[in-house]
Protein backbone atom coordinates (compact mmCIF):
# COMPACT_ATOMS: atom_id res chain seq x y z
CA UNK A 1 166.95 50.81 106.55
CA UNK A 2 167.24 51.32 102.82
CA UNK A 3 169.64 53.71 101.23
CA UNK A 4 166.69 55.47 99.58
CA UNK A 5 165.14 56.04 102.99
CA UNK A 6 168.33 57.56 104.36
CA UNK A 7 168.81 60.02 101.53
CA UNK A 8 165.27 60.61 100.31
CA UNK A 9 161.70 61.17 101.48
CA UNK A 10 158.53 62.44 99.87
CA UNK A 11 160.39 65.72 99.67
CA UNK A 12 163.03 64.00 97.52
CA UNK A 13 160.29 62.53 95.33
CA UNK A 14 158.66 65.95 94.94
CA UNK A 15 161.69 67.54 93.30
CA UNK A 16 165.34 67.11 92.52
CA UNK A 17 166.53 69.72 95.01
CA UNK A 18 166.66 69.38 98.79
CA UNK A 19 164.33 71.17 101.19
CA UNK A 20 167.17 73.28 102.62
CA UNK A 21 168.39 74.19 99.14
CA UNK A 22 164.89 75.18 98.10
CA UNK A 23 164.39 77.43 101.13
CA UNK A 24 167.65 79.23 100.42
CA UNK A 25 166.70 79.70 96.78
CA UNK A 26 163.26 81.01 97.74
CA UNK A 27 164.80 83.70 99.91
CA UNK A 28 167.16 84.73 97.13
CA UNK A 29 164.42 84.81 94.50
CA UNK A 30 162.20 86.91 96.76
CA UNK A 31 164.90 89.57 96.84
CA UNK A 32 165.03 89.52 93.03
CA UNK A 33 161.29 89.92 92.44
CA UNK A 34 160.19 92.69 90.12
CA UNK A 35 158.00 95.71 90.77
CA UNK A 36 154.50 94.45 91.70
CA UNK A 37 152.94 97.24 89.64
CA UNK A 38 154.39 95.80 86.43
CA UNK A 39 153.67 92.19 87.41
CA UNK A 40 149.93 92.52 86.90
CA UNK A 41 148.35 91.41 83.65
CA UNK A 42 144.76 92.65 84.02
CA UNK A 43 143.37 95.07 81.48
CA UNK A 44 142.10 98.53 82.45
CA UNK A 45 138.59 97.73 81.23
CA UNK A 46 138.38 94.38 83.02
CA UNK A 47 135.72 95.87 85.31
CA UNK A 48 133.89 97.96 82.71
CA UNK A 49 130.72 99.29 84.48
CA UNK A 50 128.96 99.61 81.14
CA UNK A 51 129.07 95.85 80.70
CA UNK A 52 126.10 95.42 83.00
CA UNK A 53 123.94 98.00 81.15
CA UNK A 54 122.13 97.02 77.99
CA UNK A 55 122.30 99.17 74.88
CA UNK A 56 118.56 99.79 75.17
CA UNK A 57 118.92 101.11 78.73
CA UNK A 58 121.83 103.33 77.71
CA UNK A 59 119.73 104.78 74.92
CA UNK A 60 116.93 105.56 77.36
CA UNK A 61 119.40 107.58 79.44
CA UNK A 62 120.29 109.82 76.51
CA UNK A 63 118.71 113.25 76.06
CA UNK A 64 115.32 113.66 74.36
CA UNK A 65 116.81 115.65 71.51
CA UNK A 66 119.45 112.98 70.76
CA UNK A 67 116.85 110.21 70.81
CA UNK A 68 114.62 112.28 68.51
CA UNK A 69 117.52 112.80 66.18
CA UNK A 70 118.17 109.04 66.10
CA UNK A 71 114.51 108.41 65.28
CA UNK A 72 114.67 110.92 62.49
CA UNK A 73 117.78 109.25 61.06
CA UNK A 74 116.14 105.86 61.25
CA UNK A 75 113.16 107.17 59.22
CA UNK A 76 115.45 108.08 56.34
CA UNK A 77 117.61 104.90 56.56
CA UNK A 78 117.15 101.18 56.67
CA UNK A 79 118.56 100.96 60.19
CA UNK A 80 116.84 100.85 63.56
CA UNK A 81 117.48 103.34 66.33
CA UNK A 82 119.45 100.68 68.26
CA UNK A 83 121.65 99.98 65.24
CA UNK A 84 122.32 103.67 64.68
CA UNK A 85 123.00 104.18 68.38
CA UNK A 86 125.48 101.26 68.32
CA UNK A 87 127.25 102.83 65.30
CA UNK A 88 127.51 106.15 67.12
CA UNK A 89 128.92 104.46 70.19
CA UNK A 90 131.51 102.52 68.13
CA UNK A 91 132.55 105.72 66.31
CA UNK A 92 132.94 107.50 69.66
CA UNK A 93 134.95 104.57 71.00
CA UNK A 94 137.22 104.69 67.95
CA UNK A 95 137.92 108.40 68.51
CA UNK A 96 138.95 107.61 72.11
CA UNK A 97 141.23 104.76 71.03
CA UNK A 98 142.76 106.71 68.17
CA UNK A 99 143.45 109.64 70.49
CA UNK A 100 144.98 107.57 73.30
CA UNK A 101 146.64 104.85 71.18
CA UNK A 102 147.13 106.14 67.62
CA UNK A 103 148.20 103.83 64.83
CA UNK A 104 146.41 100.69 66.07
CA UNK A 105 143.26 100.64 63.93
CA UNK A 106 141.58 102.33 60.98
CA UNK A 107 137.86 102.22 61.70
CA UNK A 108 136.74 103.86 58.46
CA UNK A 109 138.41 101.30 56.17
CA UNK A 110 138.40 98.40 58.64
CA UNK A 111 142.09 97.72 59.21
CA UNK A 112 144.48 96.80 61.98
CA UNK A 113 147.59 98.92 61.45
CA UNK A 114 151.37 98.86 61.84
CA UNK A 115 151.50 99.77 65.54
CA UNK A 116 149.25 96.79 66.29
CA UNK A 117 151.54 94.54 64.23
CA UNK A 118 154.64 95.84 66.00
CA UNK A 119 153.18 95.37 69.46
CA UNK A 120 151.90 91.89 68.60
CA UNK A 121 155.43 90.95 67.48
CA UNK A 122 156.81 92.23 70.79
CA UNK A 123 154.19 90.23 72.70
CA UNK A 124 155.18 87.06 70.84
CA UNK A 125 158.83 87.61 71.72
CA UNK A 126 157.99 88.24 75.37
CA UNK A 127 155.94 85.06 75.89
CA UNK A 128 158.49 82.95 73.96
CA UNK A 129 160.95 83.48 76.82
CA UNK A 130 158.77 81.29 79.03
CA UNK A 131 158.33 78.45 76.50
CA UNK A 132 160.98 75.98 77.81
CA UNK A 133 159.86 76.49 81.41
CA UNK A 134 156.17 76.08 80.64
CA UNK A 135 156.70 73.11 78.32
CA UNK A 136 158.69 71.34 81.03
CA UNK A 137 156.00 71.99 83.64
CA UNK A 138 153.26 70.74 81.32
CA UNK A 139 155.10 67.50 80.56
CA UNK A 140 153.66 66.26 83.85
CA UNK A 141 151.30 68.74 85.43
CA UNK A 142 150.70 66.58 88.49
CA UNK A 143 154.40 66.57 89.34
CA UNK A 144 154.61 70.32 88.80
CA UNK A 145 151.55 71.00 90.95
CA UNK A 146 153.03 69.01 93.81
CA UNK A 147 156.26 70.97 93.44
CA UNK A 148 154.34 74.25 93.41
CA UNK A 149 152.46 73.06 96.48
CA UNK A 150 155.74 72.43 98.29
CA UNK A 151 156.43 76.17 97.99
CA UNK A 152 152.97 77.34 99.01
CA UNK A 153 151.93 74.59 101.46
CA UNK A 154 155.19 73.08 102.78
CA UNK A 155 153.29 71.65 105.74
CA UNK A 156 151.49 69.28 103.35
CA UNK A 157 154.82 67.85 102.21
CA UNK A 158 155.89 67.53 105.86
CA UNK A 159 152.67 65.75 106.87
CA UNK A 160 152.88 63.40 103.91
CA UNK A 161 156.44 62.57 104.88
CA UNK A 162 155.61 61.75 108.49
CA UNK A 163 152.07 60.37 108.32
CA UNK A 164 151.97 58.61 104.94
CA UNK A 165 155.23 56.78 105.35
CA UNK A 166 155.33 52.97 105.38
CA UNK A 167 158.88 53.20 106.74
CA UNK A 168 157.33 54.12 110.09
CA UNK A 169 156.38 50.43 110.25
CA UNK A 170 158.80 47.54 110.85
CA UNK A 171 159.85 45.65 107.76
CA UNK A 172 158.45 42.52 109.36
CA UNK A 173 154.92 44.01 109.30
CA UNK A 174 152.48 41.86 107.36
CA UNK A 175 151.30 43.50 104.15
CA UNK A 176 147.51 43.65 103.77
CA UNK A 177 145.14 45.53 101.53
CA UNK A 178 143.81 47.43 104.56
CA UNK A 179 147.32 48.65 105.44
CA UNK A 180 147.75 50.24 102.03
CA UNK A 181 144.20 51.62 102.09
CA UNK A 182 144.80 53.31 105.44
CA UNK A 183 147.67 55.29 103.94
CA UNK A 184 145.52 56.33 100.96
CA UNK A 185 142.79 57.52 103.32
CA UNK A 186 145.37 59.58 105.19
CA UNK A 187 146.38 61.28 101.92
CA UNK A 188 142.75 62.25 101.38
CA UNK A 189 142.51 63.61 104.92
CA UNK A 190 145.69 65.71 104.68
CA UNK A 191 144.64 67.25 101.38
CA UNK A 192 141.10 67.89 102.62
CA UNK A 193 142.50 69.83 105.60
CA UNK A 194 144.53 72.31 103.52
CA UNK A 195 143.38 75.75 104.74
CA UNK A 196 140.97 77.39 102.31
CA UNK A 197 143.13 80.52 101.90
CA UNK A 198 146.16 78.38 100.98
CA UNK A 199 144.11 76.35 98.55
CA UNK A 200 142.68 79.51 96.96
CA UNK A 201 146.13 81.04 96.65
CA UNK A 202 147.51 77.93 95.03
CA UNK A 203 144.58 77.97 92.60
CA UNK A 204 145.42 81.56 91.67
CA UNK A 205 149.02 80.48 90.97
CA UNK A 206 147.85 77.52 88.90
CA UNK A 207 145.44 79.74 86.96
CA UNK A 208 148.18 82.29 86.24
CA UNK A 209 150.50 79.57 84.95
CA UNK A 210 147.67 78.23 82.80
CA UNK A 211 147.10 81.78 81.51
CA UNK A 212 150.76 82.02 80.48
CA UNK A 213 150.60 78.61 78.82
CA UNK A 214 147.46 79.43 76.85
CA UNK A 215 149.00 82.77 75.79
CA UNK A 216 152.07 80.87 74.61
CA UNK A 217 149.89 78.55 72.51
CA UNK A 218 148.00 81.33 70.75
CA UNK A 219 148.40 81.38 66.91
CA UNK A 220 150.83 84.31 66.79
CA UNK A 221 152.37 83.32 63.47
CA UNK A 222 149.01 82.99 61.75
CA UNK A 223 147.91 86.36 63.13
CA UNK A 224 151.12 88.12 62.08
CA UNK A 225 151.20 86.46 58.66
CA UNK A 226 147.71 87.83 57.97
CA UNK A 227 149.18 91.35 57.73
CA UNK A 228 150.19 92.72 54.35
CA UNK A 229 153.24 94.92 54.00
CA UNK A 230 152.54 98.13 52.08
CA UNK A 231 155.95 99.72 52.52
CA UNK A 232 158.86 99.92 54.93
CA UNK A 233 157.49 99.26 58.43
CA UNK A 234 153.95 99.60 57.10
CA UNK A 235 151.58 96.73 57.82
CA UNK A 236 147.80 96.38 57.67
CA UNK A 237 145.19 93.69 57.92
CA UNK A 238 141.44 93.72 57.28
CA UNK A 239 139.28 93.11 60.34
CA UNK A 240 137.36 90.23 58.77
CA UNK A 241 140.52 88.29 57.91
CA UNK A 242 141.53 87.97 61.56
CA UNK A 243 138.15 87.93 63.29
CA UNK A 244 138.84 84.50 64.80
CA UNK A 245 142.28 85.57 66.00
CA UNK A 246 140.91 88.74 67.60
CA UNK A 247 138.34 86.66 69.49
CA UNK A 248 140.90 84.06 70.56
CA UNK A 249 143.51 86.56 71.71
CA UNK A 250 140.95 88.69 73.54
CA UNK A 251 139.79 85.70 75.60
CA UNK A 252 143.29 85.46 77.07
CA UNK A 253 144.56 89.03 77.11
CA UNK A 254 141.37 90.57 78.48
CA UNK A 255 141.31 88.12 81.39
CA UNK A 256 144.73 88.47 82.99
CA UNK A 257 145.48 89.17 86.62
CA UNK A 258 148.15 89.48 89.27
CA UNK A 259 151.27 87.32 88.83
CA UNK A 260 152.00 85.76 92.25
CA UNK A 261 155.68 85.58 93.18
CA UNK A 262 155.52 81.79 93.43
CA UNK A 263 154.69 81.53 89.72
CA UNK A 264 158.13 82.64 88.57
CA UNK A 265 159.81 80.96 91.54
CA UNK A 266 158.23 77.58 90.77
CA UNK A 267 158.96 77.75 87.05
CA UNK A 268 162.62 78.50 87.70
CA UNK A 269 163.26 76.07 90.55
CA UNK A 270 161.37 73.25 88.84
CA UNK A 271 163.63 73.58 85.80
CA UNK A 272 166.87 74.72 87.45
CA UNK A 273 168.60 71.37 86.92
CA UNK A 274 167.19 70.82 83.44
CA UNK A 275 167.28 74.11 81.53
CA UNK A 276 170.32 76.29 80.87
CA UNK A 277 169.55 78.88 78.17
CA UNK A 278 172.02 78.83 75.30
CA UNK A 279 172.51 82.59 75.56
CA UNK A 280 173.14 82.55 79.31
CA UNK A 281 176.13 84.60 80.45
CA UNK A 282 175.83 83.62 84.12
CA UNK A 283 178.84 81.99 85.78
CA UNK A 284 177.16 80.39 88.79
CA UNK A 285 173.80 79.44 90.30
CA UNK A 286 173.17 82.89 91.80
CA UNK A 287 173.99 84.50 88.48
CA UNK A 288 171.61 82.19 86.60
CA UNK A 289 168.87 82.89 89.11
CA UNK A 290 169.27 86.66 88.81
CA UNK A 291 169.48 86.39 85.03
CA UNK A 292 166.21 84.44 84.93
CA UNK A 293 164.38 86.82 87.26
CA UNK A 294 165.61 89.89 85.40
CA UNK A 295 164.53 88.50 82.04
CA UNK A 296 161.27 87.09 83.36
CA UNK A 297 160.20 90.35 84.99
CA UNK A 298 161.25 92.31 81.89
CA UNK A 299 159.14 90.07 79.66
CA UNK A 300 156.17 90.21 82.00
CA UNK A 301 156.49 94.00 81.90
CA UNK A 302 156.41 93.75 78.10
CA UNK A 303 153.19 91.69 78.26
CA UNK A 304 151.83 94.18 80.78
CA UNK A 305 152.65 97.01 78.37
CA UNK A 306 150.82 95.29 75.50
CA UNK A 307 147.70 94.84 77.62
CA UNK A 308 147.79 98.50 78.71
CA UNK A 309 148.54 100.00 75.29
CA UNK A 310 146.52 97.65 73.07
CA UNK A 311 142.98 97.70 74.54
CA UNK A 312 141.98 94.53 72.77
CA UNK A 313 138.38 94.43 73.98
CA UNK A 314 137.74 97.93 72.66
CA UNK A 315 139.51 97.10 69.40
CA UNK A 316 137.33 94.01 69.03
CA UNK A 317 134.21 96.15 69.57
CA UNK A 318 135.38 98.41 66.77
CA UNK A 319 136.34 95.50 64.51
CA UNK A 320 133.01 93.72 65.08
CA UNK A 321 131.04 96.99 65.06
CA UNK A 322 129.43 96.01 68.36
CA UNK A 323 129.93 98.32 71.31
CA UNK A 324 128.72 95.68 73.76
CA UNK A 325 130.89 92.83 72.49
CA UNK A 326 132.46 90.85 75.33
CA UNK A 327 135.38 88.38 75.25
CA UNK A 328 134.72 84.84 76.41
CA UNK A 329 135.68 84.10 79.99
CA UNK A 330 139.08 82.55 80.58
CA UNK A 331 139.00 78.91 81.64
CA UNK A 332 141.49 76.15 82.23
CA UNK A 333 143.18 74.25 85.06
CA UNK A 334 139.87 73.75 86.90
CA UNK A 335 140.93 70.14 87.43
CA UNK A 336 144.23 71.13 89.07
CA UNK A 337 143.31 69.66 92.46
CA UNK A 338 142.45 66.30 90.90
CA UNK A 339 145.88 66.18 89.27
CA UNK A 340 147.49 67.38 92.50
CA UNK A 341 145.82 64.62 94.52
CA UNK A 342 146.57 61.92 91.96
CA UNK A 343 150.24 62.87 91.92
CA UNK A 344 150.45 62.55 95.70
CA UNK A 345 148.97 59.08 95.37
CA UNK A 346 151.55 58.23 92.70
CA UNK A 347 154.31 59.43 95.02
CA UNK A 348 152.92 57.24 97.77
CA UNK A 349 152.89 54.26 95.40
CA UNK A 350 156.57 54.89 94.64
CA UNK A 351 157.39 54.92 98.33
CA UNK A 352 155.17 51.94 99.04
CA UNK A 353 157.01 49.96 96.36
CA UNK A 354 160.35 51.03 97.84
CA UNK A 355 159.19 49.76 101.22
CA UNK A 356 158.08 46.44 99.69
CA UNK A 357 161.47 46.26 98.01
CA UNK A 358 163.20 46.75 101.34
CA UNK A 359 161.02 44.05 102.89
CA UNK A 360 162.31 41.76 100.15
CA UNK A 361 165.88 42.84 100.92
CA UNK A 362 165.36 42.00 104.57
CA UNK A 363 164.27 38.48 103.63
CA UNK A 364 167.31 38.07 101.36
CA UNK A 365 169.62 39.01 104.25
CA UNK A 366 169.03 35.66 105.89
CA UNK A 367 169.71 33.81 102.64
CA UNK A 368 173.02 35.62 102.12
CA UNK A 369 174.16 34.78 105.62
CA UNK A 370 173.06 31.18 105.31
CA UNK A 371 174.60 30.57 101.87
CA UNK A 372 177.71 32.73 101.98
CA UNK A 373 178.17 33.93 105.53
CA UNK A 374 177.54 37.56 104.51
CA UNK A 375 175.80 39.73 107.10
CA UNK A 376 175.00 42.60 104.70
CA UNK A 377 174.52 43.29 101.01
CA UNK A 378 177.90 43.40 99.31
CA UNK A 379 178.43 46.54 97.23
CA UNK A 380 181.22 47.68 94.95
CA UNK A 381 184.09 49.17 96.99
CA UNK A 382 184.09 52.30 94.82
CA UNK A 383 180.71 53.88 94.08
CA UNK A 384 181.35 57.52 93.05
CA UNK A 385 177.71 58.02 91.96
CA UNK A 386 176.59 57.69 95.59
CA UNK A 387 178.59 60.81 96.51
CA UNK A 388 177.47 62.93 93.53
CA UNK A 389 174.89 65.62 94.39
CA UNK A 390 172.17 63.81 96.35
CA UNK A 391 173.14 60.42 94.96
CA UNK A 392 172.79 59.13 91.41
CA UNK A 393 170.87 55.84 91.01
CA UNK A 394 172.84 52.84 89.74
CA UNK A 395 170.37 50.31 88.40
CA UNK A 396 172.56 47.23 89.05
CA UNK A 397 173.72 48.14 92.54
CA UNK A 398 173.13 44.82 94.32
CA UNK A 399 173.71 42.33 91.52
CA UNK A 400 177.02 43.96 90.50
CA UNK A 401 178.09 44.26 94.14
CA UNK A 402 177.42 40.57 94.69
CA UNK A 403 179.26 39.49 91.54
CA UNK A 404 182.29 41.57 92.58
CA UNK A 405 182.20 40.04 96.07
CA UNK A 406 181.91 36.53 94.62
CA UNK A 407 184.86 37.06 92.27
CA UNK A 408 186.96 38.67 94.99
CA UNK A 409 186.18 36.23 97.83
CA UNK A 410 185.01 32.93 96.31
CA UNK A 411 186.15 32.61 92.72
CA UNK A 412 189.73 31.39 93.24
CA UNK A 413 188.53 28.81 95.75
CA UNK A 414 185.63 27.31 93.80
CA UNK A 415 187.23 27.39 90.34
CA UNK A 416 190.05 24.94 91.15
CA UNK A 417 188.02 21.67 91.09
CA UNK A 418 186.38 22.82 87.86
CA UNK A 419 189.73 23.53 86.20
CA UNK A 420 190.99 20.09 87.23
CA UNK A 421 187.90 18.48 85.72
CA UNK A 422 188.54 20.33 82.46
CA UNK A 423 192.23 19.36 82.35
CA UNK A 424 191.97 15.68 83.31
CA UNK A 425 188.39 14.73 82.56
CA UNK A 426 187.66 12.42 79.62
CA UNK A 427 184.37 13.88 78.41
CA UNK A 428 182.26 11.38 76.54
CA UNK A 429 180.63 14.23 74.61
CA UNK A 430 183.30 16.48 73.11
CA UNK A 431 180.78 19.33 72.75
CA UNK A 432 180.34 19.27 76.53
CA UNK A 433 184.07 19.76 77.02
CA UNK A 434 184.15 22.64 74.54
CA UNK A 435 181.26 24.36 76.29
CA UNK A 436 182.96 23.79 79.65
CA UNK A 437 186.20 25.33 78.38
CA UNK A 438 184.32 28.35 77.06
CA UNK A 439 182.48 28.72 80.35
CA UNK A 440 185.66 28.70 82.46
CA UNK A 441 187.35 31.12 80.05
CA UNK A 442 184.35 33.40 80.29
CA UNK A 443 184.43 33.26 84.10
CA UNK A 444 188.09 34.25 83.97
CA UNK A 445 187.18 37.25 81.83
CA UNK A 446 184.39 38.22 84.22
CA UNK A 447 186.89 38.01 87.10
CA UNK A 448 189.22 40.42 85.29
CA UNK A 449 186.32 42.66 84.25
CA UNK A 450 185.08 42.93 87.85
CA UNK A 451 188.53 43.95 89.10
CA UNK A 452 188.99 46.36 86.20
CA UNK A 453 185.59 47.98 86.84
CA UNK A 454 186.48 48.47 90.51
CA UNK A 455 189.78 50.14 89.53
CA UNK A 456 188.05 52.38 86.96
CA UNK A 457 185.59 53.54 89.61
CA UNK A 458 188.31 54.50 92.08
CA UNK A 459 189.32 58.14 92.56
CA UNK A 460 192.33 57.56 90.27
CA UNK A 461 190.40 55.47 87.75
CA UNK A 462 189.08 56.55 84.39
CA UNK A 463 185.46 56.73 85.52
CA UNK A 464 186.19 58.02 89.02
CA UNK A 465 188.07 60.98 87.57
CA UNK A 466 184.98 61.99 85.58
CA UNK A 467 182.92 62.16 88.77
CA UNK A 468 185.66 63.98 90.67
CA UNK A 469 186.05 66.59 87.94
CA UNK A 470 182.32 67.35 87.83
CA UNK A 471 182.02 67.35 91.63
CA UNK A 472 184.91 69.81 91.89
CA UNK A 473 182.98 72.38 89.84
CA UNK A 474 180.11 72.40 92.37
CA UNK A 475 177.66 73.13 89.54
CA UNK A 476 174.81 70.88 88.56
CA UNK A 477 174.59 72.14 85.01
CA UNK A 478 172.75 70.54 82.12
CA UNK A 479 176.10 69.64 80.54
CA UNK A 480 177.35 68.06 83.79
CA UNK A 481 174.15 66.08 84.21
CA UNK A 482 174.34 64.88 80.62
CA UNK A 483 177.95 63.73 81.14
CA UNK A 484 177.02 61.87 84.33
CA UNK A 485 174.06 60.17 82.64
CA UNK A 486 176.26 59.08 79.73
CA UNK A 487 178.91 57.74 82.11
CA UNK A 488 176.32 55.88 84.19
CA UNK A 489 174.85 54.34 81.05
CA UNK A 490 178.28 52.94 80.13
CA UNK A 491 178.82 51.56 83.65
CA UNK A 492 175.37 49.98 83.64
CA UNK A 493 175.97 48.47 80.21
CA UNK A 494 179.15 46.83 81.54
CA UNK A 495 177.36 45.66 84.69
CA UNK A 496 174.46 44.14 82.78
CA UNK A 497 176.72 42.31 80.35
CA UNK A 498 178.76 40.96 83.26
CA UNK A 499 175.63 39.79 85.08
CA UNK A 500 174.14 38.09 82.01
CA UNK A 501 177.39 36.24 81.27
CA UNK A 502 177.86 35.19 84.89
CA UNK A 503 174.32 33.78 85.09
CA UNK A 504 174.81 31.85 81.84
CA UNK A 505 178.09 30.43 83.17
CA UNK A 506 176.44 29.32 86.43
CA UNK A 507 173.77 27.45 84.50
CA UNK A 508 176.38 25.84 82.27
CA UNK A 509 178.45 24.68 85.27
CA UNK A 510 175.39 23.09 86.87
CA UNK A 511 174.49 21.15 83.72
CA UNK A 512 178.03 19.98 82.96
CA UNK A 513 178.93 18.95 86.53
CA UNK A 514 175.60 17.16 86.93
CA UNK A 515 176.34 15.22 83.76
CA UNK A 516 179.93 14.48 84.82
CA UNK A 517 178.79 13.07 88.21
CA UNK A 518 176.03 11.01 86.64
CA UNK A 519 173.24 13.23 87.92
CA UNK A 520 172.33 14.54 84.50
CA UNK A 521 168.85 15.90 83.96
CA UNK A 522 169.58 17.05 80.43
CA UNK A 523 170.23 14.42 77.77
CA UNK A 524 172.64 16.75 75.97
CA UNK A 525 175.17 16.38 78.77
CA UNK A 526 176.95 13.04 79.11
CA UNK A 527 179.32 11.82 81.79
CA UNK A 528 183.11 11.82 82.18
CA UNK A 529 184.50 8.33 81.74
CA UNK A 530 187.32 8.75 84.28
CA UNK A 531 185.36 10.67 86.88
CA UNK A 532 186.26 8.13 89.60
CA UNK A 533 190.01 8.21 88.93
CA UNK A 534 190.78 11.90 88.52
CA UNK A 535 193.47 12.61 91.17
CA UNK A 536 193.78 8.89 91.66
CA UNK A 537 191.55 6.08 92.78
CA UNK A 538 189.24 6.72 95.68
CA UNK A 539 188.79 10.36 94.76
CA UNK A 540 185.69 10.93 96.86
CA UNK A 541 187.22 14.15 98.22
CA UNK A 542 187.64 15.52 94.68
CA UNK A 543 184.09 14.59 93.71
CA UNK A 544 182.83 16.25 96.89
CA UNK A 545 184.79 19.44 96.17
CA UNK A 546 183.47 19.37 92.58
CA UNK A 547 179.92 19.10 93.87
CA UNK A 548 180.58 21.88 96.41
CA UNK A 549 181.79 24.19 93.63
CA UNK A 550 178.73 23.36 91.58
CA UNK A 551 176.47 24.10 94.57
CA UNK A 552 178.13 27.45 95.23
CA UNK A 553 177.65 28.55 91.62
CA UNK A 554 174.01 27.43 91.79
CA UNK A 555 173.60 29.35 95.06
CA UNK A 556 175.15 32.39 93.40
CA UNK A 557 172.68 32.11 90.53
CA UNK A 558 169.76 31.82 92.95
CA UNK A 559 171.03 34.83 94.89
CA UNK A 560 171.23 36.95 91.76
CA UNK A 561 167.66 35.97 90.89
CA UNK A 562 166.59 37.25 94.31
CA UNK A 563 168.66 40.43 94.02
CA UNK A 564 167.45 41.39 90.54
CA UNK A 565 163.99 42.58 91.64
CA UNK A 566 165.44 44.90 94.29
CA UNK A 567 167.87 46.61 91.93
CA UNK A 568 166.44 50.05 91.18
CA UNK A 569 163.96 50.07 88.29
CA UNK A 570 164.96 52.06 85.27
CA UNK A 571 165.74 51.95 81.58
CA UNK A 572 168.35 49.27 81.21
CA UNK A 573 170.92 49.17 78.41
CA UNK A 574 170.01 46.76 75.64
CA UNK A 575 171.51 43.32 75.81
């Protein structure tokens, strides 16, 4: 069974933290949750009963004397009764707002005032706290939705892991289109059977996260820059200058709701290995978690306070002189389930490809045993990345392991006939001899490089010490992860260069030895005039050993070609 299968499942593909680790973190974060009363973002007038009553019907409900007075006013003005009634209602609304929340607006002159500016600035600061977490989630919404789902519907992850798993089948199973299709149908079935209450709850979480994201993307700077400063801490802005901003902000801020606990939990856990705030004072994981929850709940409370103390719908009615003005409905994330489903299919494709890769490895097993007498894939003796966290991928695992094995077990044996050919052979083409000398020198350097790499990766080696030092801190910080990635890139660069050189040398040996033995298939490679007398007359044994060395290098080249596709995919260092 593959190493990926031993250490990873769909749960591993869903996130970078283990299931057990996530459960522990969930329990801790639950204990740190803020006061539910301050974690709601709905406005007080969200269910305004007057919304369903037309202005005409409201006017009909007024007293006879008031309606007569309106008619009389309309006779002596150019306005209708409805227009005058609307103006009266807006003026009354302004008096209520100015009494309850003074300093927000000036209805008479048509201004937003300093208190509005101050509270808008505070709102901008509050939502900015969530920017790195939201931006990371929105880099790949499908991945984030699956992660969120693992918190809300963990049984889906479990069912995917057990029922949509090609590793339940033997590696000898024939691959057909129907086999793959059956797994895809199972994905559809599992997702279709999610209980409606779980699906609805997840939609509420997705909608809340979308609400935060749209709030974050509002044009705060343009709105704030529209205010003119008339003195110290005195700001004002004409209604008509920011009419678009009022409409845009009201669509979000007048349509908030409850913030489910899983919203903050998912944003933190999803980013816990990627984001460490520059101003963080926390010393450990628990400290960082508490710090996040404290700041997150404080900033949500600040947003909550803005919504409660800046009645934006009522302000918009005053600004637009329309007592029945309504904000547009909030929308967004309606396609969340499509993205959720597509991500599960992508995760299946990853696992399907891993299974196909392991099928290929199984087929290569027989070739290794037949060619080299190896009953398993040779790996480097020291692989510190495999012990770090849940295992760090090394993108040249099998090719580098094979090259090290070849140099350690075969090189000294197969190089001797080639060295003798170089020392005693009379090459007809001098360029062939020069290339041969360079090839053998290069193989000697690869031999030393392979041994040196193994030493560097040991616990006492230069690279091994880097891993040990980071592992000793028990913290998967952004700085530690960056150091590991940099170190792995250097190791992979060395491994790739070693592989490329070794393959070139194998090809060179085949061409030169074929030419020397008269089996040349390339006209650039001539023979060796004394090939039959090296080590004396009747040197059939030498020629046989020379051919055997050539065949082993060719077999090594063929093996590397087979191993290359099963090395983990990834961004390789440039050649």
